[in-house]
Each structure stands twice: as C-alpha cells, then as structure tokens.
Amino acid sequence: MNLIQEGQKITLNIIKDDMLYELVCTIKAIKDDRLILELPPYFMRYIQFLDVGCCFTAKVFSKLGTIDFNTIVISSPLENSDDFEIELDYNAVRFTPGEEIAIINAVEKLEISYNGKIISAKTFEISTEYLKFYCDTIFDFEESFDCKLILPDDYDTISFRATVIEIDPEYNKEYKVTYSNMNEYDRQNLLYYMYVYTNSMDTE
C-alpha cells in the first residue's frame, strides 16, 4: 500500500543550467516498479528532458503531505510509445507531512502490551503525529508502552511504542500518545489508511 494513487497530480522537477523546470502530469497507472503518466498538452516544450534515461525529482501531493523520489524515464514519447513511464522505487520514496496535522475520527481497536498483559482499548482520534484512545487501565503522564493498532479490512496492523503526552483532566480514561519505534512500512500503511479515509469522507 502507498500514498501514491491513480489520478493524483505529480510534478517532475528538472534542473538544467541552474534553471528549474516543472512539468505537471497526472498519474495514469501504477505498476510494480514504474508509474505511467499522462503528459500535459504543453509537454512538447520540455521534450528535450523526456528522453529515456533522463533523471529528475518527482513530487506527488496528497492531503497528508508530499511524497518525493528521484526517478528516470523508462519509456519516452520520443520513442513513439503509447505510454510515458518513469521508474518508481518504493525503497527511495520519502514522505514529508503537511503543515496541517491530518486528523480522522477513529473506532479502531488498540492492543497495549503492559506489565506482561495485553490490554484492549478503543481509539477515537488518529493523526499523523498522535493517537487518542479510551482505556480503563490507569497510565501515568510520560509513561511508555508497546502498542498494536488494528486497522480494518486489509489495512494491516500497525506496531509502535506509545508515550502518554496528555491525560484528560476530567475524564482520566482518555489518553493522548505519540508514536515512536514505528517502521517505515507501518508508517506508510497508516498514512495510506488515513488518506483513503479522508478521501472517502470528502465524497460522501
């Protein structure tokens, strides 16, 4: 799973002779190791940069932030090819969160490993930087513990270490924690889940 989706805008940043050129395309299809792009009508003015093997930086924009990676042209319009394809290396993809923290209302199950036991909790808010949940167990401020966030359907289980940064002053069973020790695969899955959720809310 990834934040990169068909129909998203992607900007190809090309630097030549200390000049920056931007070519804004649309993602037409996603393959295992490449993206097929729909070129804009004005692409002919940049044709010199679109030969096979040409390198540039690609940036994909989502509501959660920016995904960028270095890429090369695999299939060029100079070859009279039906498709314009660029390389997609998932291992080199970098994600930069947006200035606004993305937040979704949540009902996902949270499993907490605490004092040798597994404690079940229920989330009520997920963001790119923190998680909020209800739990009958009493935790202290700045206390840390391992967690598994169980996402629905095929979105997988997200593992991380949580640290309590806020306890509701009136209802002390509501906690806010930050993430740490989350691997990149799990982070991308969480961001993808949030991306799909926010997009589905917009279309309702």
N, C-alpha and C. Protein backbone atom coordinates (compact mmCIF):
# COMPACT_ATOMS: atom_id res chain seq x y z
N MET A 1 0.84 -1.19 0.00
CA MET A 1 0.00 0.00 0.00
C MET A 1 0.88 1.24 0.00
N ASN A 2 0.38 2.29 -0.63
CA ASN A 2 1.17 3.50 -0.67
C ASN A 2 0.26 4.69 -0.84
N LEU A 3 0.79 5.86 -0.58
CA LEU A 3 0.03 7.09 -0.74
C LEU A 3 -0.13 7.49 -2.19
N ILE A 4 0.65 6.88 -3.06
CA ILE A 4 0.59 7.24 -4.48
C ILE A 4 -0.59 6.52 -5.13
N GLN A 5 -1.48 7.30 -5.77
CA GLN A 5 -2.70 6.74 -6.34
C GLN A 5 -2.94 7.26 -7.76
N GLU A 6 -3.67 6.48 -8.54
CA GLU A 6 -4.06 6.92 -9.88
C GLU A 6 -4.90 8.20 -9.78
N GLY A 7 -4.69 9.10 -10.73
CA GLY A 7 -5.45 10.34 -10.76
C GLY A 7 -4.81 11.48 -10.01
N GLN A 8 -3.78 11.19 -9.20
CA GLN A 8 -3.09 12.26 -8.48
C GLN A 8 -2.21 13.07 -9.43
N LYS A 9 -1.99 14.31 -9.06
CA LYS A 9 -1.05 15.15 -9.79
C LYS A 9 0.37 14.83 -9.34
N ILE A 10 1.29 14.85 -10.28
CA ILE A 10 2.70 14.63 -9.97
C ILE A 10 3.51 15.67 -10.72
N THR A 11 4.43 16.30 -10.02
CA THR A 11 5.28 17.33 -10.61
C THR A 11 6.67 16.77 -10.85
N LEU A 12 7.15 16.89 -12.07
CA LEU A 12 8.51 16.48 -12.41
C LEU A 12 9.39 17.73 -12.38
N ASN A 13 10.34 17.77 -11.46
CA ASN A 13 11.24 18.91 -11.32
C ASN A 13 12.55 18.61 -12.04
N ILE A 14 12.86 19.41 -13.05
CA ILE A 14 14.03 19.19 -13.89
C ILE A 14 14.97 20.37 -13.75
N ILE A 15 16.21 20.11 -13.42
CA ILE A 15 17.21 21.18 -13.28
C ILE A 15 18.21 21.08 -14.43
N LYS A 16 18.37 22.17 -15.16
CA LYS A 16 19.35 22.22 -16.25
C LYS A 16 19.90 23.64 -16.35
N ASP A 17 21.22 23.73 -16.35
CA ASP A 17 21.89 25.04 -16.43
C ASP A 17 21.40 25.99 -15.34
N ASP A 18 21.30 25.45 -14.12
CA ASP A 18 20.87 26.22 -12.94
C ASP A 18 19.46 26.75 -13.04
N MET A 19 18.68 26.21 -13.94
CA MET A 19 17.27 26.59 -14.07
C MET A 19 16.40 25.41 -13.65
N LEU A 20 15.28 25.73 -12.98
CA LEU A 20 14.34 24.70 -12.55
C LEU A 20 13.11 24.74 -13.45
N TYR A 21 12.80 23.60 -14.03
CA TYR A 21 11.62 23.46 -14.88
C TYR A 21 10.66 22.50 -14.21
N GLU A 22 9.36 22.80 -14.25
CA GLU A 22 8.36 21.95 -13.64
C GLU A 22 7.36 21.48 -14.69
N LEU A 23 7.16 20.19 -14.73
CA LEU A 23 6.21 19.59 -15.65
C LEU A 23 5.15 18.87 -14.81
N VAL A 24 3.92 19.36 -14.87
CA VAL A 24 2.85 18.80 -14.03
C VAL A 24 2.08 17.77 -14.84
N CYS A 25 2.13 16.52 -14.38
CA CYS A 25 1.47 15.41 -15.06
C CYS A 25 0.38 14.82 -14.16
N THR A 26 -0.32 13.84 -14.68
CA THR A 26 -1.32 13.09 -13.92
C THR A 26 -0.93 11.62 -13.93
N ILE A 27 -1.05 10.96 -12.78
CA ILE A 27 -0.73 9.53 -12.72
C ILE A 27 -1.86 8.74 -13.37
N LYS A 28 -1.51 8.06 -14.45
CA LYS A 28 -2.48 7.30 -15.24
C LYS A 28 -2.61 5.87 -14.72
N ALA A 29 -1.48 5.26 -14.36
CA ALA A 29 -1.49 3.89 -13.83
C ALA A 29 -0.24 3.66 -13.01
N ILE A 30 -0.31 2.68 -12.10
CA ILE A 30 0.80 2.35 -11.21
C ILE A 30 1.17 0.89 -11.41
N LYS A 31 2.41 0.63 -11.76
CA LYS A 31 2.92 -0.73 -11.92
C LYS A 31 3.85 -1.04 -10.74
N ASP A 32 4.38 -2.26 -10.71
CA ASP A 32 5.23 -2.67 -9.59
C ASP A 32 6.46 -1.78 -9.44
N ASP A 33 7.04 -1.37 -10.55
CA ASP A 33 8.30 -0.62 -10.49
C ASP A 33 8.28 0.67 -11.28
N ARG A 34 7.08 1.11 -11.71
CA ARG A 34 7.01 2.31 -12.54
C ARG A 34 5.64 2.97 -12.46
N LEU A 35 5.62 4.24 -12.87
CA LEU A 35 4.38 4.99 -13.00
C LEU A 35 4.15 5.31 -14.46
N ILE A 36 2.93 5.18 -14.92
CA ILE A 36 2.56 5.63 -16.26
C ILE A 36 1.86 6.98 -16.11
N LEU A 37 2.40 7.99 -16.78
CA LEU A 37 1.91 9.35 -16.60
C LEU A 37 1.20 9.86 -17.84
N GLU A 38 0.22 10.72 -17.58
CA GLU A 38 -0.45 11.44 -18.66
C GLU A 38 0.20 12.82 -18.76
N LEU A 39 0.82 13.08 -19.89
CA LEU A 39 1.53 14.35 -20.07
C LEU A 39 0.56 15.49 -20.32
N PRO A 40 0.91 16.71 -19.90
CA PRO A 40 0.06 17.87 -20.16
C PRO A 40 0.16 18.27 -21.64
N PRO A 41 -0.79 19.05 -22.13
CA PRO A 41 -0.78 19.43 -23.55
C PRO A 41 0.49 20.19 -23.97
N TYR A 42 1.13 20.88 -23.03
CA TYR A 42 2.28 21.71 -23.36
C TYR A 42 3.61 20.96 -23.24
N PHE A 43 3.57 19.63 -23.16
CA PHE A 43 4.79 18.88 -22.86
C PHE A 43 5.87 19.02 -23.93
N MET A 44 5.49 19.38 -25.16
CA MET A 44 6.47 19.43 -26.25
C MET A 44 7.58 20.45 -25.96
N ARG A 45 7.29 21.48 -25.18
CA ARG A 45 8.32 22.47 -24.89
C ARG A 45 9.41 21.90 -23.97
N TYR A 46 9.11 20.74 -23.35
CA TYR A 46 10.08 20.09 -22.46
C TYR A 46 10.59 18.76 -23.05
N ILE A 47 10.37 18.54 -24.32
CA ILE A 47 10.67 17.25 -24.91
C ILE A 47 12.13 16.85 -24.78
N GLN A 48 13.03 17.84 -24.72
CA GLN A 48 14.46 17.54 -24.59
C GLN A 48 14.80 16.86 -23.27
N PHE A 49 13.90 17.01 -22.27
CA PHE A 49 14.16 16.41 -20.96
C PHE A 49 13.50 15.05 -20.79
N LEU A 50 12.79 14.57 -21.80
CA LEU A 50 11.95 13.38 -21.63
C LEU A 50 12.48 12.16 -22.35
N ASP A 51 13.73 12.17 -22.75
CA ASP A 51 14.32 11.01 -23.40
C ASP A 51 14.57 9.90 -22.38
N VAL A 52 14.66 8.65 -22.85
CA VAL A 52 14.92 7.52 -21.96
C VAL A 52 16.24 7.75 -21.22
N GLY A 53 16.20 7.56 -19.91
CA GLY A 53 17.40 7.73 -19.09
C GLY A 53 17.53 9.10 -18.46
N CYS A 54 16.71 10.06 -18.86
CA CYS A 54 16.75 11.38 -18.25
C CYS A 54 16.30 11.28 -16.78
N CYS A 55 16.98 12.04 -15.92
CA CYS A 55 16.72 11.97 -14.47
C CYS A 55 16.06 13.25 -13.98
N PHE A 56 15.21 13.12 -12.99
CA PHE A 56 14.62 14.27 -12.32
C PHE A 56 14.00 13.84 -11.00
N THR A 57 13.52 14.82 -10.23
CA THR A 57 12.82 14.55 -8.98
C THR A 57 11.33 14.63 -9.22
N ALA A 58 10.61 13.65 -8.69
CA ALA A 58 9.15 13.65 -8.82
C ALA A 58 8.53 13.94 -7.46
N LYS A 59 7.46 14.74 -7.47
CA LYS A 59 6.74 15.07 -6.25
C LYS A 59 5.25 14.79 -6.45
N VAL A 60 4.68 14.00 -5.52
CA VAL A 60 3.26 13.70 -5.55
C VAL A 60 2.62 14.37 -4.33
N PHE A 61 1.49 15.02 -4.55
CA PHE A 61 0.87 15.79 -3.48
C PHE A 61 -0.42 15.10 -2.99
N SER A 62 -0.50 14.91 -1.67
CA SER A 62 -1.71 14.35 -1.07
C SER A 62 -2.14 15.27 0.05
N LYS A 63 -3.29 14.98 0.65
CA LYS A 63 -3.79 15.81 1.75
C LYS A 63 -2.92 15.69 2.99
N LEU A 64 -2.18 14.59 3.09
CA LEU A 64 -1.36 14.37 4.27
C LEU A 64 0.02 14.97 4.15
N GLY A 65 0.45 15.25 2.93
CA GLY A 65 1.79 15.79 2.75
C GLY A 65 2.31 15.52 1.35
N THR A 66 3.62 15.56 1.20
CA THR A 66 4.26 15.42 -0.10
C THR A 66 5.10 14.15 -0.15
N ILE A 67 4.95 13.39 -1.23
CA ILE A 67 5.77 12.21 -1.46
C ILE A 67 6.74 12.57 -2.58
N ASP A 68 8.05 12.39 -2.36
CA ASP A 68 9.00 12.71 -3.41
C ASP A 68 10.04 11.60 -3.56
N PHE A 69 10.58 11.49 -4.77
CA PHE A 69 11.58 10.47 -5.06
C PHE A 69 12.32 10.86 -6.34
N ASN A 70 13.55 10.36 -6.45
CA ASN A 70 14.32 10.54 -7.67
C ASN A 70 13.93 9.46 -8.66
N THR A 71 13.88 9.81 -9.94
CA THR A 71 13.39 8.86 -10.93
C THR A 71 14.06 9.08 -12.28
N ILE A 72 13.87 8.13 -13.18
CA ILE A 72 14.37 8.25 -14.55
C ILE A 72 13.26 7.88 -15.52
N VAL A 73 13.40 8.33 -16.76
CA VAL A 73 12.43 7.99 -17.81
C VAL A 73 12.70 6.57 -18.29
N ILE A 74 11.67 5.74 -18.27
CA ILE A 74 11.78 4.36 -18.75
C ILE A 74 11.26 4.24 -20.17
N SER A 75 10.16 4.91 -20.44
CA SER A 75 9.57 4.92 -21.78
C SER A 75 9.25 6.36 -22.14
N SER A 76 9.72 6.80 -23.29
CA SER A 76 9.65 8.21 -23.66
C SER A 76 8.71 8.45 -24.83
N PRO A 77 8.08 9.63 -24.87
CA PRO A 77 7.27 9.99 -26.05
C PRO A 77 8.13 10.13 -27.31
N LEU A 78 9.45 10.26 -27.13
CA LEU A 78 10.35 10.33 -28.29
C LEU A 78 10.45 8.99 -29.02
N GLU A 79 10.01 7.92 -28.37
CA GLU A 79 10.07 6.59 -28.98
C GLU A 79 8.76 6.24 -29.68
N ASN A 80 7.87 7.21 -29.78
CA ASN A 80 6.52 6.97 -30.32
C ASN A 80 5.78 5.91 -29.49
N SER A 81 6.09 5.89 -28.19
CA SER A 81 5.45 4.94 -27.29
C SER A 81 4.06 5.44 -26.90
N ASP A 82 3.19 4.49 -26.63
CA ASP A 82 1.83 4.87 -26.20
C ASP A 82 1.85 5.44 -24.78
N ASP A 83 2.85 5.04 -23.99
CA ASP A 83 2.89 5.46 -22.59
C ASP A 83 4.19 6.18 -22.26
N PHE A 84 4.07 7.14 -21.34
CA PHE A 84 5.24 7.80 -20.78
C PHE A 84 5.43 7.23 -19.39
N GLU A 85 6.53 6.49 -19.18
CA GLU A 85 6.74 5.78 -17.94
C GLU A 85 7.99 6.27 -17.24
N ILE A 86 7.89 6.38 -15.91
CA ILE A 86 9.06 6.72 -15.09
C ILE A 86 9.23 5.65 -14.02
N GLU A 87 10.45 5.51 -13.53
CA GLU A 87 10.76 4.50 -12.53
C GLU A 87 10.15 4.88 -11.18
N LEU A 88 9.65 3.86 -10.45
CA LEU A 88 9.15 4.05 -9.09
C LEU A 88 9.86 3.06 -8.17
N ASP A 89 10.73 3.58 -7.33
CA ASP A 89 11.46 2.75 -6.36
C ASP A 89 10.87 3.03 -4.98
N TYR A 90 10.06 2.09 -4.48
CA TYR A 90 9.39 2.30 -3.19
C TYR A 90 10.37 2.46 -2.04
N ASN A 91 11.57 1.88 -2.19
CA ASN A 91 12.57 1.99 -1.12
C ASN A 91 13.15 3.39 -1.01
N ALA A 92 12.99 4.19 -2.07
CA ALA A 92 13.57 5.53 -2.09
C ALA A 92 12.53 6.63 -1.88
N VAL A 93 11.27 6.24 -1.72
CA VAL A 93 10.20 7.23 -1.54
C VAL A 93 10.33 7.90 -0.18
N ARG A 94 10.21 9.22 -0.17
CA ARG A 94 10.27 9.99 1.08
C ARG A 94 8.95 10.73 1.27
N PHE A 95 8.48 10.74 2.50
CA PHE A 95 7.23 11.42 2.81
C PHE A 95 7.48 12.59 3.75
N THR A 96 6.95 13.75 3.40
CA THR A 96 7.05 14.94 4.25
C THR A 96 5.63 15.36 4.65
N PRO A 97 5.27 15.25 5.93
CA PRO A 97 3.92 15.64 6.36
C PRO A 97 3.63 17.10 6.02
N GLY A 98 2.36 17.39 5.80
CA GLY A 98 1.95 18.76 5.52
C GLY A 98 2.02 19.62 6.77
N GLU A 99 1.87 20.91 6.58
CA GLU A 99 1.92 21.84 7.72
C GLU A 99 0.75 21.63 8.66
N GLU A 100 -0.40 21.26 8.10
CA GLU A 100 -1.56 20.99 8.95
C GLU A 100 -1.56 19.51 9.31
N ILE A 101 -1.80 19.20 10.58
CA ILE A 101 -1.84 17.81 11.02
C ILE A 101 -3.16 17.18 10.57
N ALA A 102 -3.04 16.12 9.79
CA ALA A 102 -4.24 15.42 9.34
C ALA A 102 -4.81 14.62 10.50
N ILE A 103 -6.12 14.68 10.68
CA ILE A 103 -6.79 14.02 11.81
C ILE A 103 -8.03 13.32 11.30
N ILE A 104 -8.27 12.09 11.77
CA ILE A 104 -9.52 11.40 11.44
C ILE A 104 -10.15 10.89 12.72
N ASN A 105 -11.49 10.85 12.75
CA ASN A 105 -12.20 10.21 13.85
C ASN A 105 -12.02 8.70 13.71
N ALA A 106 -11.84 8.00 14.82
CA ALA A 106 -11.46 6.60 14.75
C ALA A 106 -12.28 5.74 15.70
N VAL A 107 -12.43 4.47 15.34
CA VAL A 107 -13.06 3.48 16.21
C VAL A 107 -12.24 2.19 16.19
N GLU A 108 -10.98 2.29 15.75
CA GLU A 108 -10.14 1.11 15.59
C GLU A 108 -9.73 0.56 16.96
N LYS A 109 -9.48 -0.74 16.99
CA LYS A 109 -9.06 -1.41 18.22
C LYS A 109 -7.57 -1.19 18.44
N LEU A 110 -7.19 -0.97 19.69
CA LEU A 110 -5.80 -0.80 20.07
C LEU A 110 -5.44 -1.87 21.10
N GLU A 111 -4.35 -2.59 20.85
CA GLU A 111 -3.85 -3.57 21.81
C GLU A 111 -2.59 -3.02 22.46
N ILE A 112 -2.57 -2.98 23.79
CA ILE A 112 -1.46 -2.40 24.55
C ILE A 112 -0.77 -3.51 25.35
N SER A 113 0.54 -3.63 25.17
CA SER A 113 1.32 -4.57 25.98
C SER A 113 1.78 -3.84 27.23
N TYR A 114 1.29 -4.30 28.39
CA TYR A 114 1.54 -3.56 29.64
C TYR A 114 1.67 -4.53 30.80
N ASN A 115 2.83 -4.50 31.43
CA ASN A 115 3.10 -5.36 32.60
C ASN A 115 2.81 -6.83 32.29
N GLY A 116 3.23 -7.27 31.12
CA GLY A 116 3.07 -8.67 30.75
C GLY A 116 1.68 -9.06 30.30
N LYS A 117 0.78 -8.11 30.18
CA LYS A 117 -0.59 -8.38 29.75
C LYS A 117 -0.92 -7.62 28.47
N ILE A 118 -1.94 -8.10 27.76
CA ILE A 118 -2.46 -7.40 26.59
C ILE A 118 -3.76 -6.73 26.98
N ILE A 119 -3.79 -5.42 26.89
CA ILE A 119 -4.96 -4.63 27.27
C ILE A 119 -5.62 -4.10 26.00
N SER A 120 -6.93 -4.27 25.92
CA SER A 120 -7.68 -3.77 24.77
C SER A 120 -8.19 -2.36 25.05
N ALA A 121 -8.04 -1.49 24.06
CA ALA A 121 -8.53 -0.11 24.17
C ALA A 121 -9.20 0.26 22.85
N LYS A 122 -9.93 1.36 22.86
CA LYS A 122 -10.61 1.82 21.64
C LYS A 122 -10.18 3.23 21.31
N THR A 123 -9.75 3.42 20.08
CA THR A 123 -9.29 4.74 19.66
C THR A 123 -10.49 5.64 19.34
N PHE A 124 -10.26 6.94 19.44
CA PHE A 124 -11.30 7.87 18.98
C PHE A 124 -10.73 9.01 18.12
N GLU A 125 -9.41 9.05 17.99
CA GLU A 125 -8.82 10.06 17.12
C GLU A 125 -7.42 9.60 16.69
N ILE A 126 -7.17 9.64 15.37
CA ILE A 126 -5.86 9.29 14.83
C ILE A 126 -5.34 10.47 14.03
N SER A 127 -4.07 10.79 14.22
CA SER A 127 -3.43 11.82 13.40
C SER A 127 -2.08 11.29 12.93
N THR A 128 -1.39 12.11 12.14
CA THR A 128 -0.06 11.72 11.67
C THR A 128 0.98 11.82 12.78
N GLU A 129 0.65 12.47 13.89
CA GLU A 129 1.62 12.68 14.96
C GLU A 129 1.21 12.10 16.31
N TYR A 130 -0.08 11.81 16.49
CA TYR A 130 -0.52 11.30 17.79
C TYR A 130 -1.74 10.42 17.63
N LEU A 131 -2.09 9.74 18.73
CA LEU A 131 -3.27 8.87 18.77
C LEU A 131 -4.00 9.11 20.10
N LYS A 132 -5.34 9.13 20.05
CA LYS A 132 -6.14 9.27 21.27
C LYS A 132 -6.99 8.01 21.44
N PHE A 133 -7.11 7.55 22.70
CA PHE A 133 -7.88 6.34 22.94
C PHE A 133 -8.50 6.35 24.34
N TYR A 134 -9.53 5.48 24.51
CA TYR A 134 -10.14 5.24 25.81
C TYR A 134 -9.57 3.94 26.38
N CYS A 135 -9.36 3.90 27.71
CA CYS A 135 -8.87 2.68 28.34
C CYS A 135 -9.16 2.73 29.84
N ASP A 136 -9.59 1.58 30.40
CA ASP A 136 -9.88 1.52 31.83
C ASP A 136 -8.62 1.45 32.67
N THR A 137 -7.51 1.02 32.08
CA THR A 137 -6.25 0.95 32.82
C THR A 137 -5.70 2.35 33.05
N ILE A 138 -5.12 2.58 34.21
CA ILE A 138 -4.56 3.89 34.54
C ILE A 138 -3.10 3.96 34.11
N PHE A 139 -2.79 4.93 33.26
CA PHE A 139 -1.42 5.18 32.84
C PHE A 139 -0.96 6.52 33.38
N ASP A 140 0.34 6.66 33.59
CA ASP A 140 0.91 7.90 34.09
C ASP A 140 1.38 8.78 32.93
N PHE A 141 1.46 10.06 33.19
CA PHE A 141 1.99 11.01 32.21
C PHE A 141 3.43 10.64 31.87
N GLU A 142 3.76 10.62 30.57
CA GLU A 142 5.07 10.28 30.02
C GLU A 142 5.42 8.79 30.16
N GLU A 143 4.46 7.98 30.55
CA GLU A 143 4.70 6.53 30.58
C GLU A 143 4.68 5.99 29.16
N SER A 144 5.51 4.97 28.88
CA SER A 144 5.62 4.40 27.54
C SER A 144 5.27 2.92 27.56
N PHE A 145 4.71 2.43 26.42
CA PHE A 145 4.36 1.02 26.29
C PHE A 145 4.21 0.69 24.81
N ASP A 146 4.31 -0.60 24.49
CA ASP A 146 4.19 -1.06 23.10
C ASP A 146 2.72 -1.23 22.73
N CYS A 147 2.41 -0.89 21.48
CA CYS A 147 1.02 -0.95 21.02
C CYS A 147 0.92 -1.59 19.64
N LYS A 148 -0.29 -2.10 19.35
CA LYS A 148 -0.65 -2.54 18.00
C LYS A 148 -1.99 -1.92 17.66
N LEU A 149 -2.01 -1.14 16.59
CA LEU A 149 -3.24 -0.52 16.11
C LEU A 149 -3.80 -1.42 15.01
N ILE A 150 -4.97 -1.98 15.24
CA ILE A 150 -5.54 -2.95 14.31
C ILE A 150 -6.50 -2.23 13.37
N LEU A 151 -6.07 -2.07 12.13
CA LEU A 151 -6.88 -1.37 11.14
C LEU A 151 -7.85 -2.35 10.48
N PRO A 152 -8.98 -1.88 9.96
CA PRO A 152 -9.98 -2.79 9.39
C PRO A 152 -9.58 -3.35 8.03
N ASP A 153 -10.32 -4.36 7.61
CA ASP A 153 -10.17 -4.96 6.28
C ASP A 153 -8.73 -5.42 6.03
N ASP A 154 -8.15 -4.96 4.91
CA ASP A 154 -6.81 -5.40 4.53
C ASP A 154 -5.74 -4.35 4.81
N TYR A 155 -5.99 -3.44 5.75
CA TYR A 155 -5.05 -2.35 6.00
C TYR A 155 -3.93 -2.70 6.97
N ASP A 156 -3.93 -3.95 7.47
CA ASP A 156 -2.82 -4.45 8.27
C ASP A 156 -2.87 -3.95 9.72
N THR A 157 -1.86 -4.35 10.50
CA THR A 157 -1.72 -3.96 11.90
C THR A 157 -0.47 -3.09 12.05
N ILE A 158 -0.61 -1.96 12.73
CA ILE A 158 0.48 -1.01 12.88
C ILE A 158 1.09 -1.17 14.27
N SER A 159 2.39 -1.45 14.32
CA SER A 159 3.08 -1.60 15.61
C SER A 159 3.91 -0.36 15.92
N PHE A 160 3.92 0.05 17.17
CA PHE A 160 4.69 1.23 17.56
C PHE A 160 4.82 1.28 19.08
N ARG A 161 5.65 2.15 19.56
CA ARG A 161 5.75 2.40 21.00
C ARG A 161 5.08 3.74 21.28
N ALA A 162 4.22 3.75 22.28
CA ALA A 162 3.46 4.95 22.61
C ALA A 162 3.99 5.59 23.88
N THR A 163 3.93 6.91 23.93
CA THR A 163 4.28 7.66 25.14
C THR A 163 3.13 8.61 25.47
N VAL A 164 2.63 8.54 26.68
CA VAL A 164 1.49 9.37 27.10
C VAL A 164 1.93 10.83 27.19
N ILE A 165 1.27 11.70 26.44
CA ILE A 165 1.60 13.13 26.48
C ILE A 165 0.44 13.97 27.03
N GLU A 166 -0.72 13.32 27.21
CA GLU A 166 -1.86 14.09 27.73
C GLU A 166 -2.88 13.13 28.34
N ILE A 167 -3.41 13.49 29.50
CA ILE A 167 -4.48 12.74 30.15
C ILE A 167 -5.63 13.71 30.38
N ASP A 168 -6.81 13.32 29.96
CA ASP A 168 -7.95 14.22 30.10
C ASP A 168 -8.14 14.60 31.57
N PRO A 169 -8.18 15.90 31.89
CA PRO A 169 -8.24 16.33 33.30
C PRO A 169 -9.55 15.97 34.00
N GLU A 170 -10.63 15.80 33.24
CA GLU A 170 -11.92 15.48 33.86
C GLU A 170 -12.25 14.00 33.76
N TYR A 171 -11.91 13.42 32.61
CA TYR A 171 -12.21 12.01 32.41
C TYR A 171 -10.89 11.29 32.18
N ASN A 172 -10.27 10.78 33.25
CA ASN A 172 -8.89 10.32 33.18
C ASN A 172 -8.68 8.99 32.46
N LYS A 173 -9.71 8.52 31.78
CA LYS A 173 -9.55 7.30 30.97
C LYS A 173 -9.34 7.63 29.50
N GLU A 174 -9.19 8.91 29.18
CA GLU A 174 -8.88 9.34 27.82
C GLU A 174 -7.42 9.74 27.76
N TYR A 175 -6.69 9.15 26.81
CA TYR A 175 -5.24 9.37 26.72
C TYR A 175 -4.85 9.82 25.31
N LYS A 176 -3.82 10.63 25.29
CA LYS A 176 -3.21 11.05 24.02
C LYS A 176 -1.75 10.61 24.06
N VAL A 177 -1.32 9.88 23.01
CA VAL A 177 0.06 9.36 22.97
C VAL A 177 0.71 9.74 21.65
N THR A 178 2.04 9.79 21.68
CA THR A 178 2.81 9.98 20.44
C THR A 178 3.38 8.64 20.00
N TYR A 179 3.76 8.59 18.71
CA TYR A 179 4.34 7.37 18.15
C TYR A 179 5.86 7.41 18.23
N SER A 180 6.46 6.25 18.44
CA SER A 180 7.90 6.07 18.23
C SER A 180 8.14 4.61 17.87
N ASN A 181 9.34 4.31 17.40
CA ASN A 181 9.71 2.94 17.02
C ASN A 181 8.74 2.34 16.00
N MET A 182 8.20 3.16 15.12
CA MET A 182 7.32 2.66 14.06
C MET A 182 8.16 2.54 12.79
N ASN A 183 8.18 1.34 12.19
CA ASN A 183 8.99 1.19 10.98
C ASN A 183 8.33 1.88 9.79
N GLU A 184 9.10 2.06 8.73
CA GLU A 184 8.63 2.83 7.58
C GLU A 184 7.44 2.17 6.89
N TYR A 185 7.44 0.84 6.84
CA TYR A 185 6.33 0.12 6.21
C TYR A 185 5.02 0.40 6.94
N ASP A 186 5.06 0.30 8.27
CA ASP A 186 3.86 0.57 9.07
C ASP A 186 3.43 2.03 8.95
N ARG A 187 4.41 2.93 8.93
CA ARG A 187 4.08 4.35 8.81
C ARG A 187 3.37 4.63 7.48
N GLN A 188 3.87 4.04 6.40
CA GLN A 188 3.24 4.23 5.10
C GLN A 188 1.82 3.64 5.09
N ASN A 189 1.64 2.48 5.73
CA ASN A 189 0.30 1.89 5.81
C ASN A 189 -0.67 2.76 6.59
N LEU A 190 -0.19 3.34 7.68
CA LEU A 190 -1.04 4.22 8.47
C LEU A 190 -1.43 5.46 7.67
N LEU A 191 -0.46 6.05 6.99
CA LEU A 191 -0.73 7.23 6.18
C LEU A 191 -1.67 6.92 5.03
N TYR A 192 -1.48 5.75 4.43
CA TYR A 192 -2.36 5.34 3.33
C TYR A 192 -3.80 5.18 3.84
N TYR A 193 -3.95 4.54 4.99
CA TYR A 193 -5.27 4.35 5.58
C TYR A 193 -5.94 5.70 5.84
N MET A 194 -5.19 6.64 6.38
CA MET A 194 -5.73 7.97 6.65
C MET A 194 -6.10 8.68 5.37
N TYR A 195 -5.27 8.50 4.34
CA TYR A 195 -5.52 9.13 3.03
C TYR A 195 -6.83 8.61 2.44
N VAL A 196 -7.02 7.29 2.46
CA VAL A 196 -8.23 6.69 1.91
C VAL A 196 -9.44 7.14 2.71
N TYR A 197 -9.31 7.18 4.03
CA TYR A 197 -10.42 7.58 4.90
C TYR A 197 -10.84 9.03 4.62
N THR A 198 -9.88 9.94 4.54
CA THR A 198 -10.22 11.34 4.30
C THR A 198 -10.81 11.54 2.93
N ASN A 199 -10.33 10.81 1.93
CA ASN A 199 -10.89 10.91 0.58
C ASN A 199 -12.33 10.39 0.55
N SER A 200 -12.63 9.29 1.26
CA SER A 200 -13.97 8.74 1.27
C SER A 200 -14.94 9.68 1.97
N MET A 201 -14.46 10.39 3.00
CA MET A 201 -15.31 11.34 3.69
C MET A 201 -15.69 12.51 2.79
N ASP A 202 -14.75 12.91 1.92
CA ASP A 202 -15.00 14.04 1.02
C ASP A 202 -16.07 13.71 -0.01
N THR A 203 -16.20 12.41 -0.36
CA THR A 203 -17.13 12.04 -1.42
C THR A 203 -18.51 11.67 -0.89
N GLU A 204 -18.66 11.63 0.42
CA GLU A 204 -19.98 11.28 1.00
C GLU A 204 -20.94 12.46 0.92
